[in-house]
């Protein structure tokens, strides 16, 4: 199996583990929780969320609309008034906390298969790979430009 195939399989296995854990605590879809995490991490525009999550703008537009409808995200007009600025509501923060707890739990679960030193090395190598790939592609914007889907 090639490295990309191994990484894809590992991603699927970890996502399944996370989804099962989160399913015990929330009915919120995993992609919505990831969008909440992006917003909490400082991503404020829909185009930047799309770039970070590697999905198309219309999908993010629907996702953010649902989060807003459910009271998890608030939109406010940005300084240049061409796009909306996204912020978590208290209910959104509560859902985000469930994801963060599940991520920490997953790290602990992974330590059942790796030593602490192996986990540290795995994290170091994945950061190194990700940094190299992102540098080759260009930076992922935090704020992003304002496009039609950002309003």
N, C-alpha and C. Protein backbone atom coordinates (compact mmCIF):
# COMPACT_ATOMS: atom_id res chain seq x y z
N UNK A 1 0.86 -1.18 0.00
CA UNK A 1 0.00 0.00 0.00
C UNK A 1 0.90 1.24 0.00
N UNK A 2 0.55 2.23 -0.80
CA UNK A 2 1.32 3.46 -0.86
C UNK A 2 1.02 4.33 0.36
N UNK A 3 1.86 5.32 0.59
CA UNK A 3 1.64 6.23 1.72
C UNK A 3 0.30 6.94 1.60
N UNK A 4 -0.08 7.47 0.42
CA UNK A 4 -1.40 8.09 0.33
C UNK A 4 -2.55 7.13 0.67
N UNK A 5 -2.42 5.88 0.23
CA UNK A 5 -3.46 4.89 0.56
C UNK A 5 -3.50 4.61 2.06
N UNK A 6 -2.33 4.50 2.67
CA UNK A 6 -2.27 4.27 4.11
C UNK A 6 -2.86 5.44 4.88
N UNK A 7 -2.52 6.66 4.46
CA UNK A 7 -3.04 7.85 5.13
C UNK A 7 -4.56 7.94 4.98
N UNK A 8 -5.06 7.62 3.79
CA UNK A 8 -6.51 7.65 3.56
C UNK A 8 -7.21 6.61 4.43
N UNK A 9 -6.63 5.43 4.55
CA UNK A 9 -7.22 4.39 5.40
C UNK A 9 -7.20 4.80 6.86
N UNK A 10 -6.09 5.38 7.30
CA UNK A 10 -5.99 5.85 8.68
C UNK A 10 -6.99 6.97 8.94
N UNK A 11 -7.14 7.87 7.99
CA UNK A 11 -8.11 8.96 8.13
C UNK A 11 -9.52 8.41 8.28
N UNK A 12 -9.88 7.44 7.46
CA UNK A 12 -11.22 6.83 7.55
C UNK A 12 -11.43 6.15 8.90
N UNK A 13 -10.41 5.43 9.36
CA UNK A 13 -10.52 4.72 10.64
C UNK A 13 -10.68 5.70 11.80
N UNK A 14 -9.91 6.76 11.78
CA UNK A 14 -9.99 7.76 12.86
C UNK A 14 -11.31 8.50 12.79
N UNK A 15 -11.74 8.85 11.59
CA UNK A 15 -13.03 9.54 11.46
C UNK A 15 -14.18 8.65 11.94
N UNK A 16 -14.13 7.37 11.64
CA UNK A 16 -15.15 6.44 12.11
C UNK A 16 -15.15 6.38 13.64
N UNK A 17 -13.97 6.30 14.22
CA UNK A 17 -13.84 6.28 15.68
C UNK A 17 -14.42 7.55 16.30
N UNK A 18 -14.07 8.69 15.74
CA UNK A 18 -14.60 9.97 16.22
C UNK A 18 -16.11 10.07 16.06
N UNK A 19 -16.60 9.65 14.91
CA UNK A 19 -18.03 9.72 14.63
C UNK A 19 -18.81 8.84 15.61
N UNK A 20 -18.29 7.65 15.89
CA UNK A 20 -18.96 6.78 16.86
C UNK A 20 -18.97 7.42 18.24
N UNK A 21 -17.86 7.98 18.64
CA UNK A 21 -17.77 8.63 19.96
C UNK A 21 -18.72 9.83 20.03
N UNK A 22 -18.71 10.65 18.99
CA UNK A 22 -19.57 11.83 18.98
C UNK A 22 -21.05 11.46 18.89
N UNK A 23 -21.36 10.36 18.21
CA UNK A 23 -22.74 9.92 18.08
C UNK A 23 -23.38 9.61 19.42
N UNK A 24 -22.56 9.33 20.41
CA UNK A 24 -23.07 9.08 21.76
C UNK A 24 -23.47 10.39 22.45
N UNK A 25 -23.00 11.52 21.92
CA UNK A 25 -23.16 12.80 22.62
C UNK A 25 -23.93 13.86 21.84
N UNK A 26 -23.91 13.76 20.52
CA UNK A 26 -24.58 14.79 19.70
C UNK A 26 -25.06 14.16 18.39
N UNK A 27 -26.10 14.74 17.85
CA UNK A 27 -26.58 14.30 16.54
C UNK A 27 -26.01 15.18 15.42
N UNK A 28 -25.19 16.13 15.80
CA UNK A 28 -24.60 17.07 14.84
C UNK A 28 -23.65 16.33 13.89
N UNK A 29 -23.79 16.52 12.58
CA UNK A 29 -22.86 15.88 11.62
C UNK A 29 -21.42 16.34 11.84
N UNK A 30 -20.50 15.43 11.57
CA UNK A 30 -19.08 15.69 11.80
C UNK A 30 -18.59 16.93 11.05
N UNK A 31 -19.03 17.11 9.81
CA UNK A 31 -18.58 18.28 9.03
C UNK A 31 -19.02 19.59 9.67
N UNK A 32 -20.19 19.61 10.29
CA UNK A 32 -20.64 20.81 10.98
C UNK A 32 -19.74 21.09 12.18
N UNK A 33 -19.36 20.04 12.89
CA UNK A 33 -18.46 20.22 14.03
C UNK A 33 -17.10 20.72 13.57
N UNK A 34 -16.61 20.22 12.44
CA UNK A 34 -15.34 20.70 11.91
C UNK A 34 -15.43 22.17 11.51
N UNK A 35 -16.57 22.58 10.97
CA UNK A 35 -16.75 23.99 10.62
C UNK A 35 -16.73 24.85 11.89
N UNK A 36 -17.38 24.38 12.94
CA UNK A 36 -17.35 25.11 14.22
C UNK A 36 -15.91 25.24 14.72
N UNK A 37 -15.14 24.18 14.58
CA UNK A 37 -13.73 24.23 15.02
C UNK A 37 -12.94 25.23 14.18
N UNK A 38 -13.20 25.26 12.89
CA UNK A 38 -12.51 26.22 12.03
C UNK A 38 -12.81 27.65 12.46
N UNK A 39 -14.08 27.92 12.74
CA UNK A 39 -14.47 29.26 13.19
C UNK A 39 -13.81 29.59 14.52
N UNK A 40 -13.80 28.64 15.44
CA UNK A 40 -13.17 28.85 16.74
C UNK A 40 -11.66 29.07 16.61
N UNK A 41 -11.06 28.47 15.57
CA UNK A 41 -9.62 28.61 15.33
C UNK A 41 -9.28 29.93 14.63
N UNK A 42 -10.28 30.75 14.34
CA UNK A 42 -10.01 32.06 13.75
C UNK A 42 -10.42 32.22 12.30
N UNK A 43 -10.97 31.19 11.70
CA UNK A 43 -11.44 31.30 10.32
C UNK A 43 -12.79 32.01 10.36
N UNK A 44 -12.91 33.12 9.68
CA UNK A 44 -14.11 33.95 9.81
C UNK A 44 -14.97 34.04 8.57
N UNK A 45 -14.47 33.64 7.41
CA UNK A 45 -15.28 33.75 6.19
C UNK A 45 -15.59 32.38 5.63
N UNK A 46 -16.67 32.29 4.90
CA UNK A 46 -17.07 31.02 4.31
C UNK A 46 -16.06 30.52 3.29
N UNK A 47 -15.46 31.42 2.52
CA UNK A 47 -14.48 30.98 1.52
C UNK A 47 -13.25 30.39 2.21
N UNK A 48 -12.85 30.97 3.34
CA UNK A 48 -11.70 30.43 4.07
C UNK A 48 -12.04 29.08 4.71
N UNK A 49 -13.28 28.91 5.16
CA UNK A 49 -13.70 27.61 5.70
C UNK A 49 -13.67 26.57 4.59
N UNK A 50 -14.17 26.92 3.41
CA UNK A 50 -14.16 25.99 2.27
C UNK A 50 -12.74 25.58 1.94
N UNK A 51 -11.83 26.52 1.93
CA UNK A 51 -10.43 26.24 1.63
C UNK A 51 -9.83 25.33 2.70
N UNK A 52 -10.09 25.63 3.93
CA UNK A 52 -9.52 24.84 5.03
C UNK A 52 -10.08 23.42 5.08
N UNK A 53 -11.38 23.28 4.82
CA UNK A 53 -12.01 21.97 4.90
C UNK A 53 -11.95 21.20 3.57
N UNK A 54 -11.40 21.85 2.54
CA UNK A 54 -11.26 21.24 1.21
C UNK A 54 -12.61 20.81 0.63
N UNK A 55 -13.59 21.70 0.75
CA UNK A 55 -14.90 21.47 0.15
C UNK A 55 -15.27 22.69 -0.69
N UNK A 56 -16.30 22.54 -1.52
CA UNK A 56 -16.66 23.65 -2.39
C UNK A 56 -17.48 24.71 -1.62
N UNK A 57 -17.48 25.91 -2.16
CA UNK A 57 -18.15 27.05 -1.52
C UNK A 57 -19.65 26.83 -1.31
N UNK A 58 -20.39 26.28 -2.30
CA UNK A 58 -21.82 26.07 -2.06
C UNK A 58 -22.10 25.12 -0.88
N UNK A 59 -21.27 24.10 -0.70
CA UNK A 59 -21.44 23.19 0.43
C UNK A 59 -21.25 23.93 1.75
N UNK A 60 -20.24 24.78 1.82
CA UNK A 60 -20.00 25.54 3.04
C UNK A 60 -21.12 26.54 3.28
N UNK A 61 -21.62 27.12 2.21
CA UNK A 61 -22.72 28.07 2.35
C UNK A 61 -23.93 27.39 2.99
N UNK A 62 -24.27 26.20 2.52
CA UNK A 62 -25.39 25.44 3.11
C UNK A 62 -25.08 25.04 4.55
N UNK A 63 -23.85 24.62 4.78
CA UNK A 63 -23.44 24.19 6.12
C UNK A 63 -23.54 25.35 7.11
N UNK A 64 -23.02 26.51 6.74
CA UNK A 64 -23.06 27.68 7.63
C UNK A 64 -24.50 28.15 7.83
N UNK A 65 -25.30 28.09 6.78
CA UNK A 65 -26.72 28.47 6.92
C UNK A 65 -27.41 27.57 7.95
N UNK A 66 -27.10 26.28 7.91
CA UNK A 66 -27.68 25.35 8.88
C UNK A 66 -27.20 25.64 10.29
N UNK A 67 -25.91 25.92 10.44
CA UNK A 67 -25.37 26.26 11.76
C UNK A 67 -26.01 27.52 12.31
N UNK A 68 -26.23 28.49 11.43
CA UNK A 68 -26.88 29.73 11.86
C UNK A 68 -28.34 29.47 12.23
N UNK A 69 -29.02 28.70 11.41
CA UNK A 69 -30.42 28.34 11.66
C UNK A 69 -30.58 27.61 13.01
N UNK A 70 -29.60 26.77 13.33
CA UNK A 70 -29.63 26.02 14.59
C UNK A 70 -29.11 26.82 15.78
N UNK A 71 -28.71 28.07 15.54
CA UNK A 71 -28.27 28.94 16.62
C UNK A 71 -26.86 28.68 17.11
N UNK A 72 -26.02 28.06 16.27
CA UNK A 72 -24.65 27.74 16.68
C UNK A 72 -23.63 28.76 16.20
N UNK A 73 -24.01 29.52 15.18
CA UNK A 73 -23.11 30.51 14.57
C UNK A 73 -23.87 31.81 14.41
N UNK A 74 -23.15 32.90 14.63
CA UNK A 74 -23.71 34.24 14.40
C UNK A 74 -22.94 34.88 13.25
N UNK A 75 -23.68 35.57 12.39
CA UNK A 75 -23.07 36.33 11.30
C UNK A 75 -23.13 37.81 11.68
N UNK A 76 -22.04 38.49 11.41
CA UNK A 76 -22.04 39.94 11.55
C UNK A 76 -21.33 40.51 10.33
N UNK A 77 -21.64 41.74 10.03
CA UNK A 77 -21.03 42.38 8.85
C UNK A 77 -19.58 42.71 9.16
N UNK A 78 -18.69 42.33 8.26
CA UNK A 78 -17.27 42.61 8.41
C UNK A 78 -16.99 44.08 8.13
N UNK A 79 -15.77 44.49 8.39
CA UNK A 79 -15.39 45.89 8.23
C UNK A 79 -15.64 46.42 6.83
N UNK A 80 -15.35 45.61 5.81
CA UNK A 80 -15.51 46.10 4.44
C UNK A 80 -16.93 45.90 3.91
N UNK A 81 -17.82 45.32 4.71
CA UNK A 81 -19.24 45.16 4.44
C UNK A 81 -19.55 44.28 3.23
N UNK A 82 -18.52 43.66 2.62
CA UNK A 82 -18.76 42.78 1.48
C UNK A 82 -18.99 41.35 1.92
N UNK A 83 -18.64 41.02 3.15
CA UNK A 83 -18.80 39.64 3.58
C UNK A 83 -19.19 39.59 5.05
N UNK A 84 -19.71 38.47 5.43
CA UNK A 84 -20.12 38.27 6.81
C UNK A 84 -18.95 37.70 7.61
N UNK A 85 -18.88 38.09 8.85
CA UNK A 85 -17.89 37.57 9.79
C UNK A 85 -18.62 36.55 10.66
N UNK A 86 -18.05 35.37 10.80
CA UNK A 86 -18.68 34.29 11.53
C UNK A 86 -18.10 34.16 12.93
N UNK A 87 -18.99 33.95 13.89
CA UNK A 87 -18.58 33.75 15.27
C UNK A 87 -19.45 32.68 15.90
N UNK A 88 -18.88 31.93 16.84
CA UNK A 88 -19.64 30.91 17.54
C UNK A 88 -20.57 31.54 18.57
N UNK A 89 -21.75 30.98 18.69
CA UNK A 89 -22.66 31.35 19.77
C UNK A 89 -22.30 30.47 20.97
N UNK A 90 -22.88 30.74 22.15
CA UNK A 90 -22.65 29.85 23.28
C UNK A 90 -23.05 28.40 22.99
N UNK A 91 -24.15 28.20 22.25
CA UNK A 91 -24.56 26.84 21.88
C UNK A 91 -23.53 26.20 20.95
N UNK A 92 -22.95 26.99 20.05
CA UNK A 92 -21.90 26.49 19.17
C UNK A 92 -20.66 26.09 19.95
N UNK A 93 -20.34 26.88 20.98
CA UNK A 93 -19.19 26.56 21.84
C UNK A 93 -19.42 25.24 22.58
N UNK A 94 -20.65 24.99 23.00
CA UNK A 94 -20.98 23.74 23.68
C UNK A 94 -20.75 22.55 22.75
N UNK A 95 -21.21 22.66 21.50
CA UNK A 95 -21.00 21.59 20.51
C UNK A 95 -19.51 21.42 20.21
N UNK A 96 -18.80 22.53 20.10
CA UNK A 96 -17.36 22.47 19.85
C UNK A 96 -16.65 21.75 20.99
N UNK A 97 -17.07 21.98 22.21
CA UNK A 97 -16.45 21.31 23.35
C UNK A 97 -16.61 19.79 23.26
N UNK A 98 -17.74 19.33 22.72
CA UNK A 98 -17.93 17.90 22.51
C UNK A 98 -16.90 17.36 21.53
N UNK A 99 -16.65 18.10 20.45
CA UNK A 99 -15.65 17.68 19.47
C UNK A 99 -14.26 17.67 20.10
N UNK A 100 -13.94 18.71 20.82
CA UNK A 100 -12.61 18.77 21.46
C UNK A 100 -12.40 17.61 22.43
N UNK A 101 -13.42 17.31 23.22
CA UNK A 101 -13.33 16.17 24.14
C UNK A 101 -13.13 14.86 23.36
N UNK A 102 -13.85 14.72 22.26
CA UNK A 102 -13.72 13.50 21.44
C UNK A 102 -12.34 13.42 20.80
N UNK A 103 -11.77 14.54 20.42
CA UNK A 103 -10.42 14.54 19.83
C UNK A 103 -9.39 14.12 20.87
N UNK A 104 -9.52 14.63 22.09
CA UNK A 104 -8.61 14.24 23.17
C UNK A 104 -8.77 12.75 23.48
N UNK A 105 -10.01 12.29 23.55
CA UNK A 105 -10.28 10.87 23.79
C UNK A 105 -9.64 10.01 22.70
N UNK A 106 -9.71 10.47 21.45
CA UNK A 106 -9.13 9.73 20.34
C UNK A 106 -7.62 9.66 20.47
N UNK A 107 -6.99 10.75 20.88
CA UNK A 107 -5.54 10.72 21.11
C UNK A 107 -5.19 9.64 22.14
N UNK A 108 -5.97 9.57 23.21
CA UNK A 108 -5.73 8.55 24.23
C UNK A 108 -5.92 7.15 23.65
N UNK A 109 -6.97 6.98 22.83
CA UNK A 109 -7.20 5.68 22.19
C UNK A 109 -6.02 5.28 21.31
N UNK A 110 -5.47 6.23 20.58
CA UNK A 110 -4.34 5.93 19.69
C UNK A 110 -3.11 5.50 20.49
N UNK A 111 -3.01 5.99 21.71
CA UNK A 111 -1.88 5.61 22.56
C UNK A 111 -1.97 4.15 23.01
N UNK A 112 -3.09 3.50 22.74
CA UNK A 112 -3.18 2.06 22.99
C UNK A 112 -2.32 1.30 21.99
N UNK A 113 -2.01 1.91 20.86
CA UNK A 113 -1.29 1.25 19.78
C UNK A 113 0.11 1.81 19.56
N UNK A 114 0.37 2.98 20.10
CA UNK A 114 1.67 3.62 19.96
C UNK A 114 2.17 4.03 21.34
N UNK A 115 3.48 4.03 21.50
CA UNK A 115 4.04 4.57 22.74
C UNK A 115 3.97 6.09 22.68
N UNK A 116 4.21 6.72 23.80
CA UNK A 116 4.21 8.19 23.84
C UNK A 116 5.27 8.73 22.87
N UNK A 117 6.43 8.08 22.84
CA UNK A 117 7.50 8.52 21.94
C UNK A 117 7.10 8.32 20.48
N UNK A 118 6.47 7.19 20.16
CA UNK A 118 6.02 6.95 18.80
C UNK A 118 4.95 7.97 18.39
N UNK A 119 4.05 8.30 19.31
CA UNK A 119 3.02 9.30 19.01
C UNK A 119 3.65 10.66 18.75
N UNK A 120 4.64 11.03 19.55
CA UNK A 120 5.32 12.31 19.34
C UNK A 120 6.02 12.32 17.98
N UNK A 121 6.64 11.23 17.62
CA UNK A 121 7.32 11.14 16.33
C UNK A 121 6.31 11.17 15.18
N UNK A 122 5.19 10.46 15.35
CA UNK A 122 4.13 10.47 14.33
C UNK A 122 3.61 11.90 14.12
N UNK A 123 3.36 12.61 15.20
CA UNK A 123 2.88 14.00 15.09
C UNK A 123 3.93 14.88 14.41
N UNK A 124 5.19 14.69 14.78
CA UNK A 124 6.26 15.48 14.17
C UNK A 124 6.32 15.23 12.66
N UNK A 125 6.22 13.97 12.27
CA UNK A 125 6.30 13.64 10.85
C UNK A 125 5.08 14.13 10.08
N UNK A 126 3.89 14.04 10.65
CA UNK A 126 2.71 14.54 9.94
C UNK A 126 2.75 16.05 9.80
N UNK A 127 3.23 16.75 10.82
CA UNK A 127 3.38 18.21 10.71
C UNK A 127 4.39 18.55 9.63
N UNK A 128 5.48 17.80 9.58
CA UNK A 128 6.51 18.05 8.57
C UNK A 128 5.94 17.83 7.15
N UNK A 129 5.20 16.74 6.97
CA UNK A 129 4.58 16.48 5.66
C UNK A 129 3.57 17.56 5.30
N UNK A 130 2.70 17.88 6.24
CA UNK A 130 1.67 18.89 5.98
C UNK A 130 2.29 20.24 5.67
N UNK A 131 3.28 20.63 6.44
CA UNK A 131 3.97 21.91 6.20
C UNK A 131 4.57 21.94 4.79
N UNK A 132 5.23 20.87 4.42
CA UNK A 132 5.83 20.81 3.07
C UNK A 132 4.79 20.89 1.98
N UNK A 133 3.72 20.14 2.14
CA UNK A 133 2.67 20.16 1.12
C UNK A 133 1.99 21.52 1.03
N UNK A 134 1.73 22.15 2.17
CA UNK A 134 1.09 23.46 2.15
C UNK A 134 2.01 24.53 1.58
N UNK A 135 3.29 24.44 1.89
CA UNK A 135 4.23 25.41 1.34
C UNK A 135 4.31 25.28 -0.18
N UNK A 136 4.25 24.06 -0.68
CA UNK A 136 4.28 23.85 -2.12
C UNK A 136 3.02 24.39 -2.78
N UNK A 137 1.90 24.32 -2.07
CA UNK A 137 0.60 24.74 -2.62
C UNK A 137 0.31 26.20 -2.35
N UNK A 138 0.82 26.72 -1.28
CA UNK A 138 0.52 28.09 -0.86
C UNK A 138 -0.26 28.06 0.43
N UNK A 139 -0.27 29.17 1.16
CA UNK A 139 -0.91 29.20 2.47
C UNK A 139 -2.43 29.11 2.37
N UNK A 140 -3.02 28.52 3.39
CA UNK A 140 -4.48 28.48 3.52
C UNK A 140 -4.88 29.74 4.26
N UNK A 141 -5.76 30.57 3.67
CA UNK A 141 -6.10 31.83 4.32
C UNK A 141 -6.94 31.62 5.57
N UNK A 142 -6.68 32.43 6.60
CA UNK A 142 -7.53 32.41 7.79
C UNK A 142 -8.77 33.25 7.54
N UNK A 143 -8.58 34.44 7.04
CA UNK A 143 -9.72 35.32 6.81
C UNK A 143 -10.33 35.10 5.43
N UNK A 144 -9.50 34.84 4.46
CA UNK A 144 -10.02 34.58 3.12
C UNK A 144 -10.59 35.83 2.48
N UNK A 145 -10.69 35.79 1.19
CA UNK A 145 -11.30 36.89 0.46
C UNK A 145 -12.80 36.77 0.50
N UNK A 146 -13.45 37.85 0.21
CA UNK A 146 -14.91 37.84 0.21
C UNK A 146 -15.37 37.48 -1.19
N UNK A 147 -16.09 36.39 -1.26
CA UNK A 147 -16.66 35.97 -2.51
C UNK A 147 -18.16 35.97 -2.39
N UNK A 148 -18.87 35.57 -3.40
CA UNK A 148 -20.32 35.56 -3.36
C UNK A 148 -20.87 34.72 -2.22
N UNK A 149 -20.17 33.65 -1.84
CA UNK A 149 -20.70 32.77 -0.79
C UNK A 149 -20.45 33.30 0.60
N UNK A 150 -19.70 34.39 0.74
CA UNK A 150 -19.37 34.91 2.05
C UNK A 150 -20.38 35.90 2.59
N UNK A 151 -21.33 36.27 1.85
CA UNK A 151 -22.28 37.25 2.32
C UNK A 151 -23.44 36.61 3.02
